[in-house]
Amino acid sequence: MIDFRMPALGSDMDEGTLQEWLVQPGDQVTRGQVVAVVETTKAAVEIECWHQGTVQELLVPVGQTVQVGTTLAVLLEPGEDAGTPGGDVVTTVAPPAVSAPELSSKEPDSKPVEPVAPQHRRWISPAARRLAASLNVDVEALAGSGPQGAVTLTDVEHAAAAAPQEKPRVTAAADRSAQMRMSIAAAMSRSKREIPHYYLADEIIMDRALDWLTARNAQRPITERVLPAVLQLKAVAVAARRFGEFNGFWREDGYQAAAGVHVGVAISLRGGGLVAPAIHDAAEKNLDELMANLTDLVARARAGSLRSSEMSDPSITVTNLGDKGVDSVFGVIYPPQVALVGFGKAAQRVCAVDGGIRIATTVRASLAADHRASDGHRGALFLAAINQLLQHPDELEK
């Protein structure tokens, strides 16, 4: 038998509320299949199962809040018999089928009652759910405009604007914001308390990369064009593959290199706060794939529809605040990761180039790294590799 447990969805998540079961006892499950939806303070997260087998028992009912590591369900391994020792009669907390009443001579016309199918719960982000509560909006009556029909903050705001105006309950909105800030505060406090940060920065001339990207995009429809941020993501991913000490995790027993380069992307949420879900195997993807992945990830993050692997797998994080107008960003590492790369805005600056002085478009890149896993010398080489890759953007196309 296999215990299917609540996964850890980042260092700022200690618990989650089961929102929906997508399987029932007797169902076959495969690796990577989404089997449940759990609501956290940041998003409604699709929980994937990384085992193959048959669902024997669901242990947690919809609506219950449980801690990370709690057993949610029991699975039978392929070929395992539910009647073997330890496989007693299966019970479940999911909505059961209603059994037929016993027939007797007194009730000859008794008929079996049809099983009641479990009701499908609405997809709605935690932020949208709390905003709806504060504005007295019935989320069950809304048609979601987000991915997979998710009800978003915008849907709630439009419904509230169309409804007869009532004074919103400020306390509910304040509570929503406070919970988000508390989650972020817990993770970042742990980071600064446990991780010996060091910081490095480099100014990267972007003229060659931007000219190359402009020429490339000119040959494509607007829907297929690539943003400069995608070039930066790819450069970080390729450099992280070369410098493995920046792509992994610091556990209790020391540093553990990640199996792949899964770049976490810092995404600001419309209701406040942020998440940093992963683009998996970013170093292996071409620019078009990365652009599609980034667009999809941002849309689903803001709609509150992420997957558990996207929340738990990031091996290095990239934050880009250039569109907010800041020159540089020095981030806080998201534990148990050991590095974070930041990019500021692209701006024209006076630079010394090839023995002369000229105006060039540059971006200031920064590295926040864990001194337990690396040192400044390797950090400088890592930033230099990112710079060098951006000077040869055609090599990032693959």
Protein backbone atom coordinates (compact mmCIF):
# COMPACT_ATOMS: atom_id res chain seq x y z
CA MET A 1 0.00 0.00 0.00
CA ILE A 2 1.05 3.59 -0.62
CA ASP A 3 0.22 6.56 1.59
CA PHE A 4 -0.58 9.59 -0.58
CA ARG A 5 0.33 12.63 1.51
CA MET A 6 -0.23 16.37 1.37
CA PRO A 7 2.86 17.71 -0.42
CA ALA A 8 4.84 20.73 0.70
CA LEU A 9 4.03 23.56 -1.68
CA GLY A 10 6.83 25.89 -0.68
CA SER A 11 8.30 27.05 2.59
CA ASP A 12 5.40 29.44 3.22
CA MET A 13 2.75 26.70 3.19
CA ASP A 14 2.18 24.64 6.31
CA GLU A 15 -1.40 23.60 5.60
CA GLY A 16 -4.10 23.54 2.95
CA THR A 17 -7.84 22.99 2.64
CA LEU A 18 -9.01 20.12 0.46
CA GLN A 19 -11.25 21.73 -2.14
CA GLU A 20 -12.05 18.82 -4.43
CA TRP A 21 -11.31 15.14 -5.00
CA LEU A 22 -10.90 14.28 -8.70
CA VAL A 23 -10.75 10.51 -8.06
CA GLN A 24 -12.83 8.00 -6.13
CA PRO A 25 -12.04 4.59 -4.55
CA GLY A 26 -11.45 2.02 -7.26
CA ASP A 27 -10.07 4.53 -9.78
CA GLN A 28 -6.76 3.79 -11.48
CA VAL A 29 -4.18 6.59 -11.20
CA THR A 30 -0.97 7.18 -13.13
CA ARG A 31 2.18 9.16 -12.41
CA GLY A 32 1.62 12.88 -12.78
CA GLN A 33 -2.18 12.64 -12.71
CA VAL A 34 -4.03 15.44 -10.90
CA VAL A 35 -6.09 13.79 -8.18
CA ALA A 36 -7.17 16.64 -5.89
CA VAL A 37 -7.39 20.41 -5.54
CA VAL A 38 -6.09 22.04 -2.36
CA GLU A 39 -6.64 25.67 -1.46
CA THR A 40 -3.76 27.57 0.16
CA THR A 41 -3.46 31.21 1.13
CA LYS A 42 -2.09 31.95 -2.34
CA ALA A 43 -3.84 29.70 -4.84
CA ALA A 44 -6.01 26.68 -5.49
CA VAL A 45 -3.33 24.11 -6.28
CA GLU A 46 -3.85 20.98 -8.34
CA ILE A 47 -2.24 18.11 -6.44
CA GLU A 48 -0.50 15.52 -8.61
CA CYS A 49 0.07 11.89 -7.67
CA TRP A 50 3.53 10.53 -8.46
CA HIS A 51 2.59 6.88 -7.91
CA GLN A 52 0.80 4.36 -10.10
CA GLY A 53 -1.92 2.24 -8.58
CA THR A 54 -5.55 2.03 -7.52
CA VAL A 55 -7.29 4.34 -5.06
CA GLN A 56 -8.31 2.25 -2.08
CA GLU A 57 -9.43 4.86 0.42
CA LEU A 58 -9.88 8.64 0.65
CA LEU A 59 -9.07 9.73 4.19
CA VAL A 60 -9.73 13.49 4.13
CA PRO A 61 -13.15 14.98 3.33
CA VAL A 62 -13.67 18.00 1.12
CA GLY A 63 -13.52 21.18 3.17
CA GLN A 64 -11.08 19.89 5.80
CA THR A 65 -7.83 21.75 6.48
CA VAL A 66 -4.80 19.52 7.04
CA GLN A 67 -1.09 19.95 7.66
CA VAL A 68 1.65 19.23 5.13
CA GLY A 69 2.57 15.53 5.34
CA THR A 70 -0.94 14.39 6.33
CA THR A 71 -2.03 11.19 4.58
CA LEU A 72 -4.82 12.16 2.18
CA ALA A 73 -5.50 8.75 0.61
CA VAL A 74 -4.31 5.16 0.45
CA LEU A 75 -3.36 3.55 -2.87
CA LEU A 76 -2.90 -0.08 -3.80
CA GLU A 77 0.22 -0.79 -5.81
CA PRO A 78 -0.19 -2.46 -9.23
CA GLY A 79 -1.06 -6.12 -8.65
CA GLU A 80 -1.80 -5.63 -4.95
CA ASP A 81 -5.03 -7.19 -3.66
CA ALA A 82 -7.24 -5.16 -1.35
CA GLY A 83 -8.02 -8.35 0.53
CA THR A 84 -4.42 -9.05 1.54
CA PRO A 85 -3.35 -8.39 5.15
CA GLY A 86 -3.61 -4.70 5.82
CA GLY A 87 -6.16 -4.31 3.03
CA ASP A 88 -9.34 -4.44 5.10
CA VAL A 89 -12.77 -3.33 3.96
CA VAL A 90 -12.42 0.01 2.20
CA THR A 91 -14.14 3.00 3.71
CA THR A 92 -14.07 6.53 2.39
CA VAL A 93 -14.93 10.02 3.51
CA ALA A 94 -15.90 11.00 -0.01
CA PRO A 95 -19.65 11.18 -0.76
CA PRO A 96 -20.65 7.48 -0.74
CA ALA A 97 -23.12 5.78 -3.00
CA VAL A 98 -26.44 5.27 -1.28
CA SER A 99 -27.02 1.53 -0.89
CA ALA A 100 -30.32 -0.13 -1.63
CA PRO A 101 -32.57 -0.83 1.37
CA GLU A 102 -33.05 -4.47 2.33
CA LEU A 103 -36.04 -6.13 0.70
CA SER A 104 -38.62 -7.71 2.96
CA SER A 105 -42.01 -9.26 2.61
CA LYS A 106 -43.51 -6.07 4.00
CA GLU A 107 -41.89 -3.89 1.36
CA PRO A 108 -42.03 -5.85 -1.88
CA ASP A 109 -41.87 -2.73 -4.04
CA SER A 110 -38.71 -1.27 -2.52
CA LYS A 111 -36.30 -0.08 -5.20
CA PRO A 112 -32.56 0.56 -5.03
CA VAL A 113 -31.64 4.19 -4.61
CA GLU A 114 -29.42 5.51 -7.38
CA PRO A 115 -25.86 6.44 -6.33
CA VAL A 116 -25.37 10.15 -5.79
CA ALA A 117 -22.59 11.49 -7.97
CA PRO A 118 -20.15 13.78 -6.18
CA GLN A 119 -20.74 17.42 -7.05
CA HIS A 120 -17.99 19.18 -8.99
CA ARG A 121 -16.74 22.19 -7.05
CA ARG A 122 -16.15 25.51 -8.73
CA TRP A 123 -12.61 26.51 -9.67
CA ILE A 124 -11.90 29.75 -7.85
CA SER A 125 -8.73 31.27 -6.49
CA PRO A 126 -8.52 31.86 -2.73
CA ALA A 127 -8.14 35.61 -3.31
CA ALA A 128 -11.26 35.67 -5.51
CA ARG A 129 -13.21 33.58 -2.99
CA ARG A 130 -12.37 35.94 -0.13
CA LEU A 131 -13.09 39.02 -2.23
CA ALA A 132 -16.46 37.53 -3.20
CA ALA A 133 -17.26 36.99 0.46
CA SER A 134 -16.35 40.58 1.30
CA LEU A 135 -18.52 41.92 -1.55
CA ASN A 136 -21.45 39.52 -1.01
CA VAL A 137 -21.01 37.98 -4.48
CA ASP A 138 -22.32 34.44 -5.08
CA VAL A 139 -19.37 32.72 -6.76
CA GLU A 140 -21.53 29.73 -7.75
CA ALA A 141 -23.50 32.02 -10.06
CA LEU A 142 -20.41 33.35 -11.88
CA ALA A 143 -19.04 32.12 -15.20
CA GLY A 144 -15.26 31.95 -14.78
CA SER A 145 -13.09 33.60 -17.43
CA GLY A 146 -9.78 32.12 -16.24
CA PRO A 147 -8.01 28.93 -17.32
CA GLN A 148 -10.23 25.84 -16.99
CA GLY A 149 -13.16 28.15 -16.22
CA ALA A 150 -11.57 29.47 -13.02
CA VAL A 151 -13.36 32.36 -11.35
CA THR A 152 -10.87 35.22 -11.11
CA LEU A 153 -10.68 38.48 -9.17
CA THR A 154 -11.81 40.32 -12.30
CA ASP A 155 -14.94 38.15 -12.55
CA VAL A 156 -15.82 38.94 -8.94
CA GLU A 157 -15.18 42.67 -9.38
CA HIS A 158 -17.38 42.81 -12.51
CA ALA A 159 -20.17 40.94 -10.72
CA ALA A 160 -19.93 43.27 -7.73
CA ALA A 161 -20.05 46.33 -9.98
CA ALA A 162 -23.20 45.04 -11.71
CA ALA A 163 -24.97 44.16 -8.47
CA PRO A 164 -26.88 46.61 -6.23
CA GLN A 165 -24.26 48.46 -4.27
CA GLU A 166 -23.70 47.51 -0.68
CA LYS A 167 -20.94 48.64 1.58
CA PRO A 168 -18.27 45.89 1.48
CA ARG A 169 -17.09 44.27 4.66
CA VAL A 170 -13.64 45.78 4.98
CA THR A 171 -12.63 43.22 7.58
CA ALA A 172 -12.86 40.33 5.09
CA ALA A 173 -10.64 42.10 2.54
CA ALA A 174 -8.19 43.03 5.27
CA ASP A 175 -8.14 39.43 6.47
CA ARG A 176 -7.38 38.17 2.95
CA SER A 177 -4.45 40.55 2.60
CA ALA A 178 -3.20 39.78 6.10
CA GLN A 179 -3.11 36.02 5.47
CA MET A 180 -1.11 36.49 2.29
CA ARG A 181 1.36 38.83 4.00
CA MET A 182 1.74 36.43 6.94
CA SER A 183 2.64 33.56 4.59
CA ILE A 184 5.23 35.64 2.79
CA ALA A 185 6.59 37.01 6.06
CA ALA A 186 7.06 33.50 7.47
CA ALA A 187 9.04 32.31 4.43
CA MET A 188 11.19 35.42 4.12
CA SER A 189 11.88 35.56 7.87
CA ARG A 190 13.07 31.97 7.73
CA SER A 191 15.25 32.83 4.73
CA LYS A 192 17.00 35.76 6.41
CA ARG A 193 17.30 33.87 9.69
CA GLU A 194 18.77 30.65 8.28
CA ILE A 195 20.52 31.55 5.02
CA PRO A 196 23.84 33.44 5.01
CA HIS A 197 23.16 35.57 1.91
CA TYR A 198 25.79 37.21 -0.24
CA TYR A 199 25.05 39.54 -3.12
CA LEU A 200 26.73 40.27 -6.44
CA ALA A 201 25.72 42.45 -9.40
CA ASP A 202 26.72 42.89 -13.02
CA GLU A 203 25.72 45.36 -15.74
CA ILE A 204 24.90 43.55 -18.97
CA ILE A 205 24.94 45.32 -22.33
CA MET A 206 21.76 44.19 -24.08
CA ASP A 207 22.14 45.87 -27.49
CA ARG A 208 23.11 42.72 -29.37
CA ALA A 209 20.41 40.61 -27.71
CA LEU A 210 17.68 43.21 -28.26
CA ASP A 211 18.63 43.80 -31.90
CA TRP A 212 18.63 40.05 -32.53
CA LEU A 213 15.27 39.65 -30.81
CA THR A 214 13.73 42.58 -32.71
CA ALA A 215 14.78 41.05 -36.05
CA ARG A 216 13.47 37.63 -34.98
CA ASN A 217 10.12 39.00 -33.82
CA ALA A 218 9.64 41.05 -36.99
CA GLN A 219 9.30 37.81 -38.95
CA ARG A 220 6.55 36.44 -36.69
CA PRO A 221 2.93 37.29 -35.87
CA ILE A 222 2.49 39.29 -32.69
CA THR A 223 1.10 36.23 -30.88
CA GLU A 224 4.37 34.34 -31.48
CA ARG A 225 6.82 37.04 -30.44
CA VAL A 226 9.24 36.52 -27.56
CA LEU A 227 9.85 38.97 -24.72
CA PRO A 228 13.36 39.98 -23.59
CA ALA A 229 12.52 38.43 -20.19
CA VAL A 230 12.41 35.01 -21.88
CA LEU A 231 15.97 35.47 -23.17
CA GLN A 232 17.03 36.26 -19.61
CA LEU A 233 15.21 33.20 -18.24
CA LYS A 234 16.92 30.95 -20.76
CA ALA A 235 20.34 32.46 -20.02
CA VAL A 236 19.88 31.87 -16.28
CA ALA A 237 18.73 28.28 -16.88
CA VAL A 238 21.69 27.42 -19.12
CA ALA A 239 24.16 29.03 -16.70
CA ALA A 240 22.57 27.17 -13.77
CA ARG A 241 23.05 23.90 -15.61
CA ARG A 242 26.77 24.69 -15.89
CA PHE A 243 27.13 25.93 -12.29
CA GLY A 244 25.25 23.29 -10.35
CA GLU A 245 25.92 24.78 -6.91
CA PHE A 246 23.32 27.47 -7.67
CA ASN A 247 20.66 25.01 -8.83
CA GLY A 248 19.50 22.94 -5.90
CA PHE A 249 18.48 22.88 -2.25
CA TRP A 250 20.03 23.18 1.18
CA ARG A 251 18.55 20.47 3.38
CA GLU A 252 19.40 19.58 6.95
CA ASP A 253 22.18 17.26 5.84
CA GLY A 254 23.73 19.70 3.36
CA TYR A 255 23.47 20.74 -0.26
CA GLN A 256 21.49 18.63 -2.75
CA ALA A 257 21.82 19.36 -6.46
CA ALA A 258 18.54 19.39 -8.38
CA ALA A 259 17.94 16.73 -11.01
CA GLY A 260 16.83 19.35 -13.56
CA VAL A 261 16.82 23.11 -13.98
CA HIS A 262 13.34 24.16 -12.88
CA VAL A 263 13.28 27.96 -12.90
CA GLY A 264 10.86 29.58 -10.49
CA VAL A 265 9.35 32.78 -11.88
CA ALA A 266 8.30 35.46 -9.39
CA ILE A 267 4.75 36.54 -10.33
CA SER A 268 2.86 39.33 -8.58
CA LEU A 269 -0.79 38.57 -7.82
CA ARG A 270 -3.58 41.03 -8.48
CA GLY A 271 -4.87 40.68 -4.95
CA GLY A 272 -1.42 41.41 -3.52
CA GLY A 273 1.53 39.19 -2.72
CA LEU A 274 3.40 36.89 -5.07
CA VAL A 275 4.12 33.30 -6.02
CA ALA A 276 7.13 31.78 -7.79
CA PRO A 277 6.02 28.60 -9.61
CA ALA A 278 8.42 26.62 -11.79
CA ILE A 279 8.96 26.32 -15.50
CA HIS A 280 10.25 22.75 -15.65
CA ASP A 281 13.44 21.84 -17.52
CA ALA A 282 13.89 25.43 -18.69
CA ALA A 283 17.43 24.86 -19.98
CA GLU A 284 16.18 22.20 -22.40
CA LYS A 285 13.40 24.28 -23.97
CA ASN A 286 13.62 26.61 -26.95
CA LEU A 287 12.53 30.23 -26.75
CA ASP A 288 9.08 29.62 -28.22
CA GLU A 289 8.37 26.90 -25.66
CA LEU A 290 9.58 29.10 -22.81
CA MET A 291 7.42 32.01 -24.00
CA ALA A 292 4.35 29.77 -24.16
CA ASN A 293 5.14 28.30 -20.72
CA LEU A 294 5.63 31.76 -19.19
CA THR A 295 2.39 33.13 -20.64
CA ASP A 296 0.43 30.13 -19.41
CA LEU A 297 2.06 30.18 -15.97
CA VAL A 298 1.32 33.88 -15.36
CA ALA A 299 -2.32 33.44 -16.44
CA ARG A 300 -2.89 30.41 -14.21
CA ALA A 301 -1.04 31.92 -11.24
CA ARG A 302 -3.25 35.01 -11.32
CA ALA A 303 -6.35 32.85 -11.76
CA GLY A 304 -5.28 30.71 -8.79
CA SER A 305 -4.85 27.47 -10.75
CA LEU A 306 -1.37 26.03 -10.26
CA ARG A 307 -0.05 22.49 -9.92
CA SER A 308 1.71 21.09 -6.89
CA SER A 309 4.88 20.28 -8.86
CA GLU A 310 5.06 23.88 -10.07
CA MET A 311 5.01 25.06 -6.47
CA SER A 312 7.40 22.50 -4.97
CA ASP A 313 9.97 21.95 -7.75
CA PRO A 314 11.68 25.36 -8.38
CA SER A 315 15.45 24.86 -8.06
CA ILE A 316 16.42 28.52 -8.66
CA THR A 317 14.24 31.64 -8.86
CA VAL A 318 14.29 34.60 -11.25
CA THR A 319 12.62 37.90 -10.39
CA ASN A 320 12.30 40.61 -13.00
CA LEU A 321 11.13 44.04 -11.86
CA GLY A 322 12.28 45.91 -14.93
CA ASP A 323 8.70 46.66 -15.97
CA LYS A 324 8.23 48.38 -12.59
CA GLY A 325 10.99 50.86 -13.40
CA VAL A 326 13.63 49.81 -10.87
CA ASP A 327 17.30 49.74 -11.85
CA SER A 328 18.25 46.75 -9.67
CA VAL A 329 16.61 44.15 -7.45
CA PHE A 330 18.40 42.27 -4.67
CA GLY A 331 16.06 39.46 -3.73
CA VAL A 332 15.64 37.19 -0.75
CA ILE A 333 16.33 33.50 -1.44
CA TYR A 334 13.29 31.27 -1.24
CA PRO A 335 14.23 28.31 1.00
CA PRO A 336 15.27 25.58 0.53
CA GLN A 337 16.69 27.01 -2.71
CA VAL A 338 20.19 28.49 -2.64
CA ALA A 339 20.10 31.25 -5.27
CA LEU A 340 17.94 33.96 -6.80
CA VAL A 341 18.72 36.05 -9.89
CA GLY A 342 17.18 39.50 -10.34
CA PHE A 343 16.88 41.77 -13.37
CA GLY A 344 16.13 45.49 -13.40
CA LYS A 345 14.92 47.71 -16.22
CA ALA A 346 16.64 48.03 -19.58
CA ALA A 347 17.87 51.60 -19.90
CA GLN A 348 20.28 53.64 -21.99
CA ARG A 349 23.44 54.39 -20.06
CA VAL A 350 26.91 55.74 -20.83
CA CYS A 351 29.32 52.79 -21.08
CA ALA A 352 32.97 52.18 -21.90
CA VAL A 353 32.96 49.73 -24.82
CA ASP A 354 36.03 48.51 -26.74
CA GLY A 355 38.18 51.39 -25.51
CA GLY A 356 35.58 54.02 -26.34
CA ILE A 357 32.61 55.65 -24.70
CA ARG A 358 29.12 55.24 -26.08
CA ILE A 359 25.50 55.03 -25.03
CA ALA A 360 24.27 51.44 -24.72
CA THR A 361 21.13 49.73 -23.47
CA THR A 362 22.04 47.83 -20.34
CA VAL A 363 20.32 45.71 -17.69
CA ARG A 364 21.60 45.31 -14.15
CA ALA A 365 21.56 41.67 -13.09
CA SER A 366 21.99 40.61 -9.48
CA LEU A 367 22.64 37.36 -7.67
CA ALA A 368 21.56 36.50 -4.13
CA ALA A 369 23.29 33.25 -3.13
CA ASP A 370 23.63 30.99 -0.11
CA HIS A 371 27.20 31.08 1.23
CA ARG A 372 26.83 27.53 2.56
CA ALA A 373 26.51 26.20 -0.99
CA SER A 374 28.81 28.56 -2.93
CA ASP A 375 31.16 31.49 -2.59
CA GLY A 376 31.68 34.85 -4.28
CA HIS A 377 34.25 33.57 -6.77
CA ARG A 378 31.82 31.02 -8.22
CA GLY A 379 28.98 33.52 -8.01
CA ALA A 380 30.96 35.99 -10.12
CA LEU A 381 31.62 33.30 -12.74
CA PHE A 382 27.92 32.41 -12.73
CA LEU A 383 26.87 36.02 -13.41
CA ALA A 384 29.60 36.32 -16.07
CA ALA A 385 28.18 33.23 -17.79
CA ILE A 386 24.72 34.82 -17.90
CA ASN A 387 26.27 37.96 -19.40
CA GLN A 388 28.19 35.96 -22.00
CA LEU A 389 25.11 33.97 -23.02
CA LEU A 390 23.16 37.18 -23.59
CA GLN A 391 25.90 38.42 -25.90
CA HIS A 392 25.21 35.40 -28.15
CA PRO A 393 21.39 35.22 -28.18
CA ASP A 394 21.31 32.93 -31.22
CA GLU A 395 22.79 30.19 -29.03
CA LEU A 396 19.77 30.50 -26.70
CA GLU A 397 17.38 29.81 -29.57
CA LYS A 398 17.86 26.03 -29.30
